[in-house]
C-alpha atoms as a PDB file:
ATOM      1  CA  MET A   1      85.503 111.121  66.121  1.00  0.00           C
ATOM      2  CA  LEU A   2      87.449 107.556  66.569  1.00  0.00           C
ATOM      3  CA  THR A   3      90.829 109.460  66.594  1.00  0.00           C
ATOM      4  CA  ARG A   4      89.761 111.515  69.523  1.00  0.00           C
ATOM      5  CA  ILE A   5      88.619 108.580  71.452  1.00  0.00           C
ATOM      6  CA  LEU A   6      91.648 106.634  70.628  1.00  0.00           C
ATOM      7  CA  THR A   7      93.768 109.357  71.630  1.00  0.00           C
ATOM      8  CA  ASP A   8      91.943 109.810  74.983  1.00  0.00           C
ATOM      9  CA  ASN A   9      92.108 106.026  76.109  1.00  0.00           C
ATOM     10  CA  PRO A  10      95.218 104.116  75.137  1.00  0.00           C
ATOM     11  CA  ALA A  11      96.694 107.779  74.089  1.00  0.00           C
ATOM     12  CA  ARG A  12     100.349 107.372  73.589  1.00  0.00           C
ATOM     13  CA  PRO A  13     100.205 103.983  72.040  1.00  0.00           C
ATOM     14  CA  PHE A  14      98.075 105.000  69.503  1.00  0.00           C
ATOM     15  CA  THR A  15      99.519 108.279  68.478  1.00  0.00           C
ATOM     16  CA  GLN A  16     103.098 107.109  68.080  1.00  0.00           C
ATOM     17  CA  ASN A  17     101.859 105.438  65.081  1.00  0.00           C
ATOM     18  CA  PHE A  18     100.833 108.912  63.572  1.00  0.00           C
ATOM     19  CA  ASP A  19     103.340 109.076  60.541  1.00  0.00           C
ATOM     20  CA  ALA A  20     103.777 111.326  57.515  1.00  0.00           C
ATOM     21  CA  LYS A  21     101.119 109.565  55.272  1.00  0.00           C
ATOM     22  CA  PHE A  22      98.375 109.901  58.295  1.00  0.00           C
ATOM     23  CA  VAL A  23      99.441 113.547  58.547  1.00  0.00           C
ATOM     24  CA  SER A  24      99.088 113.967  54.943  1.00  0.00           C
ATOM     25  CA  THR A  25      95.755 111.994  54.676  1.00  0.00           C
ATOM     26  CA  ILE A  26      94.489 114.511  57.404  1.00  0.00           C
ATOM     27  CA  LYS A  27      95.580 117.385  55.465  1.00  0.00           C
ATOM     28  CA  ASP A  28      93.660 116.165  52.427  1.00  0.00           C
ATOM     29  CA  LEU A  29      90.822 116.011  54.418  1.00  0.00           C
ATOM     30  CA  LEU A  30      91.012 119.285  55.544  1.00  0.00           C
ATOM     31  CA  ARG A  31      91.631 120.849  52.216  1.00  0.00           C
ATOM     32  CA  ASP A  32      89.606 118.907  49.997  1.00  0.00           C
ATOM     33  CA  GLY A  33      87.113 116.747  52.030  1.00  0.00           C
ATOM     34  CA  ARG A  34      83.516 116.824  50.515  1.00  0.00           C
ATOM     35  CA  ASP A  35      81.590 116.353  53.588  1.00  0.00           C
ATOM     36  CA  THR A  36      81.575 119.780  55.384  1.00  0.00           C
ATOM     37  CA  SER A  37      80.278 117.780  58.670  1.00  0.00           C
ATOM     38  CA  VAL A  38      83.218 115.910  58.591  1.00  0.00           C
ATOM     39  CA  GLN A  39      85.673 118.616  57.905  1.00  0.00           C
ATOM     40  CA  GLN A  40      83.634 120.555  61.277  1.00  0.00           C
ATOM     41  CA  ILE A  41      84.603 117.394  63.284  1.00  0.00           C
ATOM     42  CA  LEU A  42      88.147 117.087  62.127  1.00  0.00           C
ATOM     43  CA  ARG A  43      88.745 120.754  63.102  1.00  0.00           C
ATOM     44  CA  GLU A  44      87.182 120.521  66.228  1.00  0.00           C
ATOM     45  CA  THR A  45      89.248 117.232  67.228  1.00  0.00           C
ATOM     46  CA  LEU A  46      92.599 119.037  66.030  1.00  0.00           C
ATOM     47  CA  ASP A  47      91.700 122.150  68.232  1.00  0.00           C
ATOM     48  CA  TYR A  48      91.217 119.656  70.994  1.00  0.00           C
ATOM     49  CA  LEU A  49      94.346 117.819  70.436  1.00  0.00           C
ATOM     50  CA  GLU A  50      96.409 120.815  70.087  1.00  0.00           C
ATOM     51  CA  ALA A  51      94.918 122.373  73.518  1.00  0.00           C
ATOM     52  CA  GLU A  52      94.397 119.375  75.790  1.00  0.00           C
ATOM     53  CA  LYS A  53      96.694 116.510  74.623  1.00  0.00           C
ATOM     54  CA  LEU A  54      99.615 118.118  72.897  1.00  0.00           C
ATOM     55  CA  PRO A  55     101.341 118.966  76.439  1.00  0.00           C
ATOM     56  CA  ASP A  56     101.310 115.420  77.524  1.00  0.00           C
ATOM     57  CA  ASN A  57     102.252 113.792  74.364  1.00  0.00           C
ATOM     58  CA  ASP A  58     104.825 114.823  71.987  1.00  0.00           C
ATOM     59  CA  THR A  59     103.915 112.026  69.277  1.00  0.00           C
ATOM     60  CA  LEU A  60     101.128 114.644  68.268  1.00  0.00           C
ATOM     61  CA  GLY A  61     103.999 117.266  67.401  1.00  0.00           C
ATOM     62  CA  PRO A  62     103.771 116.379  63.569  1.00  0.00           C
ATOM     63  CA  LEU A  63      99.964 116.361  63.269  1.00  0.00           C
ATOM     64  CA  VAL A  64      99.620 119.552  65.351  1.00  0.00           C
ATOM     65  CA  GLU A  65     102.286 121.414  63.528  1.00  0.00           C
ATOM     66  CA  MET A  66     100.204 120.656  60.222  1.00  0.00           C
ATOM     67  CA  TRP A  67      97.322 121.884  62.053  1.00  0.00           C
ATOM     68  CA  ARG A  68      98.681 125.109  63.202  1.00  0.00           C
ATOM     69  CA  LYS A  69      99.838 125.950  59.434  1.00  0.00           C
ATOM     70  CA  GLU A  70      96.616 124.979  57.884  1.00  0.00           C
ATOM     71  CA  LYS A  71      94.691 127.170  60.794  1.00  0.00           C
ATOM     72  CA  GLY A  72      97.128 130.005  59.935  1.00  0.00           C
ATOM     73  CA  LYS A  73      96.272 129.843  56.051  1.00  0.00           C
ATOM     74  CA  ARG A  74      92.470 130.020  56.813  1.00  0.00           C
ATOM     75  CA  ASN A  75      92.934 132.760  58.870  1.00  0.00           C
ATOM     76  CA  THR A  76      95.308 134.821  56.462  1.00  0.00           C
ATOM     77  CA  ILE A  77      92.969 137.944  55.170  1.00  0.00           C
ATOM     78  CA  ARG A  78      93.521 137.729  51.226  1.00  0.00           C
ATOM     79  CA  ALA A  79      93.175 140.901  49.100  1.00  0.00           C
ATOM     80  CA  PRO A  80      89.981 141.073  47.535  1.00  0.00           C
ATOM     81  CA  ALA A  81      89.699 140.445  43.615  1.00  0.00           C
ATOM     82  CA  GLY A  82      90.463 143.408  41.628  1.00  0.00           C
ATOM     83  CA  ALA A  83      92.515 145.172  44.939  1.00  0.00           C
ATOM     84  CA  GLY A  84      94.930 147.750  43.489  1.00  0.00           C
ATOM     85  CA  VAL A  85      93.217 148.183  40.287  1.00  0.00           C
ATOM     86  CA  SER A  86      92.259 151.764  39.861  1.00  0.00           C
ATOM     87  CA  PHE A  87      89.899 153.107  37.286  1.00  0.00           C
END
């Protein structure tokens, strides 16, 4: 939530500090975070940044790139367990 607010207000001066460590931490929260409400807010924030802020702020590139990959992994349809096994 704070990330979204600061991305809106000072914008580029804030997001220019998003380094590889920050992106990695966000990725870990998406994958391994225990609080589902935090994960939901994070997903909504990343969707917002991708749709609304990326066109005007290129410093969000690495974060949005990671988010697109993570969304792609979540949306990939996986074969059900035991698929391809005949009886």
